[in-house]
Amino acid sequence: MRFQAKRCGVQFSPPSVVLMYVNTETKHKRKRVIPVRNFSKYSDCSIAAERLKNHPRHREYLEGVSQSQLEKLHIVLRDHMQGFSLEHSLASFRLDPDEDLNKLEDEELARKKGQMDKLFERNRRCKDDPDFIYDVEVDFTKTTQEKCSWDEESDDGF
Protein backbone atom coordinates (compact mmCIF):
# COMPACT_ATOMS: atom_id res chain seq x y z
CA MET A 1 0.00 0.00 0.00
CA ARG A 2 1.63 3.21 -1.18
CA PHE A 3 -0.81 5.58 0.51
CA GLN A 4 -1.89 5.57 4.14
CA ALA A 5 -5.14 7.41 4.89
CA LYS A 6 -4.94 9.64 7.96
CA ARG A 7 -8.18 11.65 7.95
CA CYS A 8 -11.30 11.71 5.87
CA GLY A 9 -14.05 14.31 5.57
CA VAL A 10 -16.53 15.97 3.24
CA GLN A 11 -16.74 19.22 1.35
CA PHE A 12 -20.25 20.45 0.59
CA SER A 13 -19.57 22.69 -2.38
CA PRO A 14 -18.87 20.99 -4.71
CA PRO A 15 -19.85 17.66 -3.09
CA SER A 16 -16.54 15.91 -2.45
CA VAL A 17 -14.72 13.54 -0.14
CA VAL A 18 -11.54 15.07 1.26
CA LEU A 19 -8.75 12.64 2.10
CA MET A 20 -5.62 13.46 4.08
CA TYR A 21 -3.00 10.80 3.44
CA VAL A 22 0.72 10.08 3.69
CA ASN A 23 2.77 8.68 0.84
CA THR A 24 4.56 5.77 2.56
CA GLU A 25 7.53 5.94 0.17
CA THR A 26 8.33 9.66 0.44
CA LYS A 27 6.61 10.34 3.83
CA HIS A 28 4.95 13.44 2.32
CA LYS A 29 1.55 14.49 3.65
CA ARG A 30 -1.00 15.21 0.96
CA LYS A 31 -4.62 16.24 0.59
CA ARG A 32 -6.83 14.77 -2.12
CA VAL A 33 -10.25 16.14 -2.98
CA ILE A 34 -12.35 13.42 -4.62
CA PRO A 35 -15.48 14.74 -6.32
CA VAL A 36 -18.68 12.78 -5.73
CA ARG A 37 -20.32 12.61 -9.13
CA ASN A 38 -23.86 11.55 -10.06
CA PHE A 39 -25.00 11.84 -6.46
CA SER A 40 -28.27 13.45 -5.40
CA LYS A 41 -30.44 13.69 -2.32
CA TYR A 42 -32.22 10.52 -3.47
CA SER A 43 -29.09 8.40 -4.02
CA ASP A 44 -28.29 5.18 -2.17
CA CYS A 45 -25.27 5.96 0.00
CA SER A 46 -23.93 2.42 0.21
CA ILE A 47 -23.89 2.02 -3.58
CA ALA A 48 -22.31 5.45 -4.05
CA ALA A 49 -19.62 4.68 -1.45
CA GLU A 50 -18.84 1.34 -3.07
CA ARG A 51 -18.65 2.95 -6.50
CA LEU A 52 -16.24 5.60 -5.19
CA LYS A 53 -14.06 3.08 -3.35
CA ASN A 54 -13.76 0.85 -6.44
CA HIS A 55 -13.16 3.69 -8.90
CA PRO A 56 -9.85 3.03 -10.72
CA ARG A 57 -8.58 6.58 -10.18
CA HIS A 58 -9.20 6.57 -6.40
CA ARG A 59 -8.88 2.88 -5.48
CA GLU A 60 -5.34 2.93 -4.09
CA TYR A 61 -5.95 6.15 -2.13
CA LEU A 62 -9.14 4.83 -0.51
CA GLU A 63 -7.77 1.36 0.20
CA GLY A 64 -7.21 2.22 3.88
CA VAL A 65 -10.65 3.81 4.32
CA SER A 66 -13.44 1.47 5.40
CA GLN A 67 -16.63 1.09 3.40
CA SER A 68 -18.73 2.11 6.42
CA GLN A 69 -16.79 5.36 6.85
CA LEU A 70 -17.34 6.25 3.19
CA GLU A 71 -21.05 5.47 3.62
CA LYS A 72 -21.21 7.84 6.61
CA LEU A 73 -19.57 10.60 4.58
CA HIS A 74 -22.09 10.07 1.77
CA ILE A 75 -24.94 10.18 4.30
CA VAL A 76 -23.66 13.53 5.59
CA LEU A 77 -23.49 14.82 2.01
CA ARG A 78 -27.00 13.57 1.22
CA ASP A 79 -28.42 15.06 4.43
CA HIS A 80 -26.86 18.39 3.49
CA MET A 81 -28.48 18.18 0.04
CA GLN A 82 -31.82 17.50 1.74
CA GLY A 83 -31.42 20.65 3.84
CA PHE A 84 -30.41 19.12 7.18
CA SER A 85 -27.70 20.68 9.30
CA LEU A 86 -24.36 19.05 9.99
CA GLU A 87 -25.32 18.68 13.66
CA HIS A 88 -28.47 16.78 12.68
CA SER A 89 -26.48 14.41 10.45
CA LEU A 90 -23.87 13.72 13.11
CA ALA A 91 -26.53 13.24 15.80
CA SER A 92 -28.08 10.46 13.74
CA PHE A 93 -24.88 8.44 14.26
CA ARG A 94 -24.84 8.80 18.06
CA LEU A 95 -26.50 6.24 20.30
CA ASP A 96 -28.85 7.57 22.95
CA PRO A 97 -30.02 4.91 25.43
CA ASP A 98 -33.22 6.85 26.15
CA GLU A 99 -34.21 7.21 22.49
CA ASP A 100 -37.31 5.32 21.34
CA LEU A 101 -36.12 3.37 18.30
CA ASN A 102 -39.72 2.45 17.38
CA LYS A 103 -40.30 6.03 16.21
CA LEU A 104 -37.40 6.13 13.70
CA GLU A 105 -37.55 5.82 9.94
CA ASP A 106 -36.23 2.54 8.47
CA GLU A 107 -33.00 4.05 7.19
CA GLU A 108 -32.18 5.84 10.44
CA LEU A 109 -33.02 2.68 12.40
CA ALA A 110 -30.62 0.71 10.22
CA ARG A 111 -27.96 3.34 10.94
CA LYS A 112 -28.48 3.00 14.69
CA LYS A 113 -28.46 -0.80 14.50
CA GLY A 114 -25.18 -0.66 12.59
CA GLN A 115 -23.69 1.49 15.35
CA MET A 116 -24.95 -0.96 17.99
CA ASP A 117 -23.48 -3.91 16.08
CA LYS A 118 -20.13 -2.14 15.85
CA LEU A 119 -20.19 -1.37 19.60
CA PHE A 120 -21.14 -4.98 20.37
CA GLU A 121 -18.25 -6.37 18.30
CA ARG A 122 -15.81 -3.98 19.96
CA ASN A 123 -16.90 -5.07 23.46
CA ARG A 124 -17.32 -8.77 22.73
CA ARG A 125 -14.85 -11.17 24.35
CA CYS A 126 -13.85 -14.38 22.59
CA LYS A 127 -12.11 -17.34 24.18
CA ASP A 128 -8.90 -16.35 22.35
CA ASP A 129 -8.78 -12.90 24.00
CA PRO A 130 -6.19 -12.48 26.78
CA ASP A 131 -8.74 -11.04 29.25
CA PHE A 132 -11.35 -13.76 28.58
CA ILE A 133 -12.90 -15.35 31.69
CA TYR A 134 -14.97 -18.48 31.09
CA ASP A 135 -17.35 -18.61 34.06
CA VAL A 136 -18.16 -15.11 35.28
CA GLU A 137 -20.46 -14.97 38.26
CA VAL A 138 -22.04 -11.63 39.11
CA ASP A 139 -24.27 -11.04 42.12
CA PHE A 140 -26.98 -8.54 41.29
CA THR A 141 -28.31 -7.47 44.66
CA LYS A 142 -31.50 -5.50 44.84
CA THR A 143 -31.13 -2.15 46.55
CA THR A 144 -34.84 -1.45 46.83
CA GLN A 145 -37.58 -3.97 47.30
CA GLU A 146 -40.50 -3.13 45.04
CA LYS A 147 -43.88 -4.72 45.58
CA CYS A 148 -46.05 -5.52 42.65
CA SER A 149 -49.63 -6.68 42.81
CA TRP A 150 -48.89 -9.78 40.76
CA ASP A 151 -46.06 -10.76 43.17
CA GLU A 152 -48.44 -11.15 46.09
CA GLU A 153 -49.94 -14.56 46.76
CA SER A 154 -53.50 -14.87 45.68
CA ASP A 155 -56.26 -16.53 47.64
CA ASP A 156 -57.02 -18.88 44.71
CA GLY A 157 -54.29 -21.30 45.81
CA PHE A 158 -52.25 -20.99 42.62
C-alpha atoms as a PDB file:
ATOM      1  CA  MET A   1       0.000   0.000   0.000  1.00  0.00           C
ATOM      2  CA  ARG A   2       1.626   3.208  -1.184  1.00  0.00           C
ATOM      3  CA  PHE A   3      -0.807   5.580   0.508  1.00  0.00           C
ATOM      4  CA  GLN A   4      -1.885   5.569   4.140  1.00  0.00           C
ATOM      5  CA  ALA A   5      -5.135   7.409   4.890  1.00  0.00           C
ATOM      6  CA  LYS A   6      -4.938   9.638   7.964  1.00  0.00           C
ATOM      7  CA  ARG A   7      -8.182  11.650   7.954  1.00  0.00           C
ATOM      8  CA  CYS A   8     -11.297  11.710   5.866  1.00  0.00           C
ATOM      9  CA  GLY A   9     -14.049  14.312   5.575  1.00  0.00           C
ATOM     10  CA  VAL A  10     -16.525  15.975   3.243  1.00  0.00           C
ATOM     11  CA  GLN A  11     -16.742  19.219   1.354  1.00  0.00           C
ATOM     12  CA  PHE A  12     -20.247  20.453   0.592  1.00  0.00           C
ATOM     13  CA  SER A  13     -19.571  22.693  -2.384  1.00  0.00           C
ATOM     14  CA  PRO A  14     -18.873  20.986  -4.715  1.00  0.00           C
ATOM     15  CA  PRO A  15     -19.852  17.660  -3.091  1.00  0.00           C
ATOM     16  CA  SER A  16     -16.543  15.909  -2.448  1.00  0.00           C
ATOM     17  CA  VAL A  17     -14.725  13.536  -0.143  1.00  0.00           C
ATOM     18  CA  VAL A  18     -11.540  15.073   1.256  1.00  0.00           C
ATOM     19  CA  LEU A  19      -8.751  12.640   2.097  1.00  0.00           C
ATOM     20  CA  MET A  20      -5.616  13.465   4.079  1.00  0.00           C
ATOM     21  CA  TYR A  21      -2.997  10.802   3.442  1.00  0.00           C
ATOM     22  CA  VAL A  22       0.718  10.077   3.687  1.00  0.00           C
ATOM     23  CA  ASN A  23       2.771   8.681   0.840  1.00  0.00           C
ATOM     24  CA  THR A  24       4.558   5.771   2.555  1.00  0.00           C
ATOM     25  CA  GLU A  25       7.529   5.937   0.174  1.00  0.00           C
ATOM     26  CA  THR A  26       8.331   9.658   0.439  1.00  0.00           C
ATOM     27  CA  LYS A  27       6.611  10.341   3.833  1.00  0.00           C
ATOM     28  CA  HIS A  28       4.949  13.437   2.316  1.00  0.00           C
ATOM     29  CA  LYS A  29       1.547  14.490   3.653  1.00  0.00           C
ATOM     30  CA  ARG A  30      -0.998  15.210   0.957  1.00  0.00           C
ATOM     31  CA  LYS A  31      -4.618  16.236   0.589  1.00  0.00           C
ATOM     32  CA  ARG A  32      -6.826  14.767  -2.118  1.00  0.00           C
ATOM     33  CA  VAL A  33     -10.255  16.142  -2.982  1.00  0.00           C
ATOM     34  CA  ILE A  34     -12.347  13.424  -4.619  1.00  0.00           C
ATOM     35  CA  PRO A  35     -15.484  14.745  -6.316  1.00  0.00           C
ATOM     36  CA  VAL A  36     -18.676  12.779  -5.728  1.00  0.00           C
ATOM     37  CA  ARG A  37     -20.320  12.611  -9.129  1.00  0.00           C
ATOM     38  CA  ASN A  38     -23.859  11.555 -10.059  1.00  0.00           C
ATOM     39  CA  PHE A  39     -24.998  11.844  -6.456  1.00  0.00           C
ATOM     40  CA  SER A  40     -28.271  13.452  -5.400  1.00  0.00           C
ATOM     41  CA  LYS A  41     -30.436  13.694  -2.318  1.00  0.00           C
ATOM     42  CA  TYR A  42     -32.218  10.519  -3.472  1.00  0.00           C
ATOM     43  CA  SER A  43     -29.087   8.400  -4.016  1.00  0.00           C
ATOM     44  CA  ASP A  44     -28.293   5.180  -2.173  1.00  0.00           C
ATOM     45  CA  CYS A  45     -25.267   5.964  -0.001  1.00  0.00           C
ATOM     46  CA  SER A  46     -23.926   2.420   0.215  1.00  0.00           C
ATOM     47  CA  ILE A  47     -23.886   2.018  -3.575  1.00  0.00           C
ATOM     48  CA  ALA A  48     -22.308   5.450  -4.054  1.00  0.00           C
ATOM     49  CA  ALA A  49     -19.620   4.680  -1.447  1.00  0.00           C
ATOM     50  CA  GLU A  50     -18.839   1.339  -3.065  1.00  0.00           C
ATOM     51  CA  ARG A  51     -18.650   2.948  -6.498  1.00  0.00           C
ATOM     52  CA  LEU A  52     -16.243   5.599  -5.187  1.00  0.00           C
ATOM     53  CA  LYS A  53     -14.062   3.079  -3.347  1.00  0.00           C
ATOM     54  CA  ASN A  54     -13.757   0.850  -6.439  1.00  0.00           C
ATOM     55  CA  HIS A  55     -13.163   3.690  -8.899  1.00  0.00           C
ATOM     56  CA  PRO A  56      -9.851   3.029 -10.715  1.00  0.00           C
ATOM     57  CA  ARG A  57      -8.584   6.581 -10.183  1.00  0.00           C
ATOM     58  CA  HIS A  58      -9.203   6.574  -6.400  1.00  0.00           C
ATOM     59  CA  ARG A  59      -8.882   2.879  -5.477  1.00  0.00           C
ATOM     60  CA  GLU A  60      -5.338   2.927  -4.095  1.00  0.00           C
ATOM     61  CA  TYR A  61      -5.953   6.147  -2.125  1.00  0.00           C
ATOM     62  CA  LEU A  62      -9.141   4.825  -0.506  1.00  0.00           C
ATOM     63  CA  GLU A  63      -7.768   1.359   0.200  1.00  0.00           C
ATOM     64  CA  GLY A  64      -7.211   2.222   3.882  1.00  0.00           C
ATOM     65  CA  VAL A  65     -10.653   3.808   4.323  1.00  0.00           C
ATOM     66  CA  SER A  66     -13.443   1.474   5.405  1.00  0.00           C
ATOM     67  CA  GLN A  67     -16.627   1.093   3.401  1.00  0.00           C
ATOM     68  CA  SER A  68     -18.726   2.112   6.420  1.00  0.00           C
ATOM     69  CA  GLN A  69     -16.786   5.365   6.846  1.00  0.00           C
ATOM     70  CA  LEU A  70     -17.340   6.252   3.194  1.00  0.00           C
ATOM     71  CA  GLU A  71     -21.047   5.473   3.623  1.00  0.00           C
ATOM     72  CA  LYS A  72     -21.209   7.838   6.605  1.00  0.00           C
ATOM     73  CA  LEU A  73     -19.573  10.599   4.581  1.00  0.00           C
ATOM     74  CA  HIS A  74     -22.087  10.070   1.774  1.00  0.00           C
ATOM     75  CA  ILE A  75     -24.943  10.182   4.297  1.00  0.00           C
ATOM     76  CA  VAL A  76     -23.662  13.528   5.590  1.00  0.00           C
ATOM     77  CA  LEU A  77     -23.495  14.823   2.009  1.00  0.00           C
ATOM     78  CA  ARG A  78     -26.996  13.569   1.219  1.00  0.00           C
ATOM     79  CA  ASP A  79     -28.421  15.057   4.430  1.00  0.00           C
ATOM     80  CA  HIS A  80     -26.863  18.394   3.490  1.00  0.00           C
ATOM     81  CA  MET A  81     -28.477  18.182   0.040  1.00  0.00           C
ATOM     82  CA  GLN A  82     -31.822  17.496   1.739  1.00  0.00           C
ATOM     83  CA  GLY A  83     -31.422  20.646   3.840  1.00  0.00           C
ATOM     84  CA  PHE A  84     -30.415  19.119   7.176  1.00  0.00           C
ATOM     85  CA  SER A  85     -27.700  20.684   9.298  1.00  0.00           C
ATOM     86  CA  LEU A  86     -24.361  19.051   9.987  1.00  0.00           C
ATOM     87  CA  GLU A  87     -25.322  18.679  13.663  1.00  0.00           C
ATOM     88  CA  HIS A  88     -28.468  16.778  12.676  1.00  0.00           C
ATOM     89  CA  SER A  89     -26.480  14.413  10.454  1.00  0.00           C
ATOM     90  CA  LEU A  90     -23.871  13.719  13.113  1.00  0.00           C
ATOM     91  CA  ALA A  91     -26.528  13.235  15.804  1.00  0.00           C
ATOM     92  CA  SER A  92     -28.080  10.460  13.739  1.00  0.00           C
ATOM     93  CA  PHE A  93     -24.881   8.435  14.260  1.00  0.00           C
ATOM     94  CA  ARG A  94     -24.843   8.802  18.065  1.00  0.00           C
ATOM     95  CA  LEU A  95     -26.497   6.243  20.302  1.00  0.00           C
ATOM     96  CA  ASP A  96     -28.855   7.570  22.949  1.00  0.00           C
ATOM     97  CA  PRO A  97     -30.022   4.910  25.431  1.00  0.00           C
ATOM     98  CA  ASP A  98     -33.224   6.853  26.154  1.00  0.00           C
ATOM     99  CA  GLU A  99     -34.213   7.208  22.488  1.00  0.00           C
ATOM    100  CA  ASP A 100     -37.313   5.317  21.343  1.00  0.00           C
ATOM    101  CA  LEU A 101     -36.124   3.373  18.298  1.00  0.00           C
ATOM    102  CA  ASN A 102     -39.717   2.453  17.376  1.00  0.00           C
ATOM    103  CA  LYS A 103     -40.297   6.029  16.207  1.00  0.00           C
ATOM    104  CA  LEU A 104     -37.403   6.131  13.703  1.00  0.00           C
ATOM    105  CA  GLU A 105     -37.547   5.815   9.939  1.00  0.00           C
ATOM    106  CA  ASP A 106     -36.232   2.543   8.467  1.00  0.00           C
ATOM    107  CA  GLU A 107     -32.997   4.053   7.188  1.00  0.00           C
ATOM    108  CA  GLU A 108     -32.177   5.842  10.444  1.00  0.00           C
ATOM    109  CA  LEU A 109     -33.020   2.683  12.396  1.00  0.00           C
ATOM    110  CA  ALA A 110     -30.616   0.706  10.216  1.00  0.00           C
ATOM    111  CA  ARG A 111     -27.955   3.343  10.940  1.00  0.00           C
ATOM    112  CA  LYS A 112     -28.482   3.000  14.695  1.00  0.00           C
ATOM    113  CA  LYS A 113     -28.456  -0.805  14.499  1.00  0.00           C
ATOM    114  CA  GLY A 114     -25.183  -0.662  12.591  1.00  0.00           C
ATOM    115  CA  GLN A 115     -23.691   1.490  15.353  1.00  0.00           C
ATOM    116  CA  MET A 116     -24.946  -0.963  17.988  1.00  0.00           C
ATOM    117  CA  ASP A 117     -23.475  -3.911  16.082  1.00  0.00           C
ATOM    118  CA  LYS A 118     -20.134  -2.143  15.855  1.00  0.00           C
ATOM    119  CA  LEU A 119     -20.189  -1.370  19.595  1.00  0.00           C
ATOM    120  CA  PHE A 120     -21.137  -4.980  20.373  1.00  0.00           C
ATOM    121  CA  GLU A 121     -18.247  -6.366  18.296  1.00  0.00           C
ATOM    122  CA  ARG A 122     -15.805  -3.980  19.965  1.00  0.00           C
ATOM    123  CA  ASN A 123     -16.902  -5.066  23.465  1.00  0.00           C
ATOM    124  CA  ARG A 124     -17.318  -8.773  22.727  1.00  0.00           C
ATOM    125  CA  ARG A 125     -14.854 -11.167  24.353  1.00  0.00           C
ATOM    126  CA  CYS A 126     -13.849 -14.378  22.588  1.00  0.00           C
ATOM    127  CA  LYS A 127     -12.108 -17.345  24.175  1.00  0.00           C
ATOM    128  CA  ASP A 128      -8.897 -16.350  22.354  1.00  0.00           C
ATOM    129  CA  ASP A 129      -8.783 -12.898  24.004  1.00  0.00           C
ATOM    130  CA  PRO A 130      -6.192 -12.484  26.781  1.00  0.00           C
ATOM    131  CA  ASP A 131      -8.741 -11.039  29.247  1.00  0.00           C
ATOM    132  CA  PHE A 132     -11.347 -13.759  28.582  1.00  0.00           C
ATOM    133  CA  ILE A 133     -12.902 -15.348  31.692  1.00  0.00           C
ATOM    134  CA  TYR A 134     -14.973 -18.477  31.088  1.00  0.00           C
ATOM    135  CA  ASP A 135     -17.347 -18.613  34.057  1.00  0.00           C
ATOM    136  CA  VAL A 136     -18.155 -15.114  35.277  1.00  0.00           C
ATOM    137  CA  GLU A 137     -20.458 -14.966  38.262  1.00  0.00           C
ATOM    138  CA  VAL A 138     -22.045 -11.628  39.115  1.00  0.00           C
ATOM    139  CA  ASP A 139     -24.270 -11.039  42.121  1.00  0.00           C
ATOM    140  CA  PHE A 140     -26.981  -8.537  41.294  1.00  0.00           C
ATOM    141  CA  THR A 141     -28.313  -7.473  44.658  1.00  0.00           C
ATOM    142  CA  LYS A 142     -31.503  -5.502  44.844  1.00  0.00           C
ATOM    143  CA  THR A 143     -31.129  -2.146  46.546  1.00  0.00           C
ATOM    144  CA  THR A 144     -34.838  -1.451  46.831  1.00  0.00           C
ATOM    145  CA  GLN A 145     -37.585  -3.972  47.298  1.00  0.00           C
ATOM    146  CA  GLU A 146     -40.500  -3.134  45.039  1.00  0.00           C
ATOM    147  CA  LYS A 147     -43.881  -4.716  45.585  1.00  0.00           C
ATOM    148  CA  CYS A 148     -46.052  -5.523  42.651  1.00  0.00           C
ATOM    149  CA  SER A 149     -49.628  -6.678  42.813  1.00  0.00           C
ATOM    150  CA  TRP A 150     -48.894  -9.776  40.762  1.00  0.00           C
ATOM    151  CA  ASP A 151     -46.063 -10.755  43.168  1.00  0.00           C
ATOM    152  CA  GLU A 152     -48.435 -11.153  46.091  1.00  0.00           C
ATOM    153  CA  GLU A 153     -49.938 -14.563  46.763  1.00  0.00           C
ATOM    154  CA  SER A 154     -53.502 -14.875  45.682  1.00  0.00           C
ATOM    155  CA  ASP A 155     -56.260 -16.533  47.635  1.00  0.00           C
ATOM    156  CA  ASP A 156     -57.015 -18.876  44.714  1.00  0.00           C
ATOM    157  CA  GLY A 157     -54.295 -21.299  45.808  1.00  0.00           C
ATOM    158  CA  PHE A 158     -52.252 -20.991  42.616  1.00  0.00           C
END
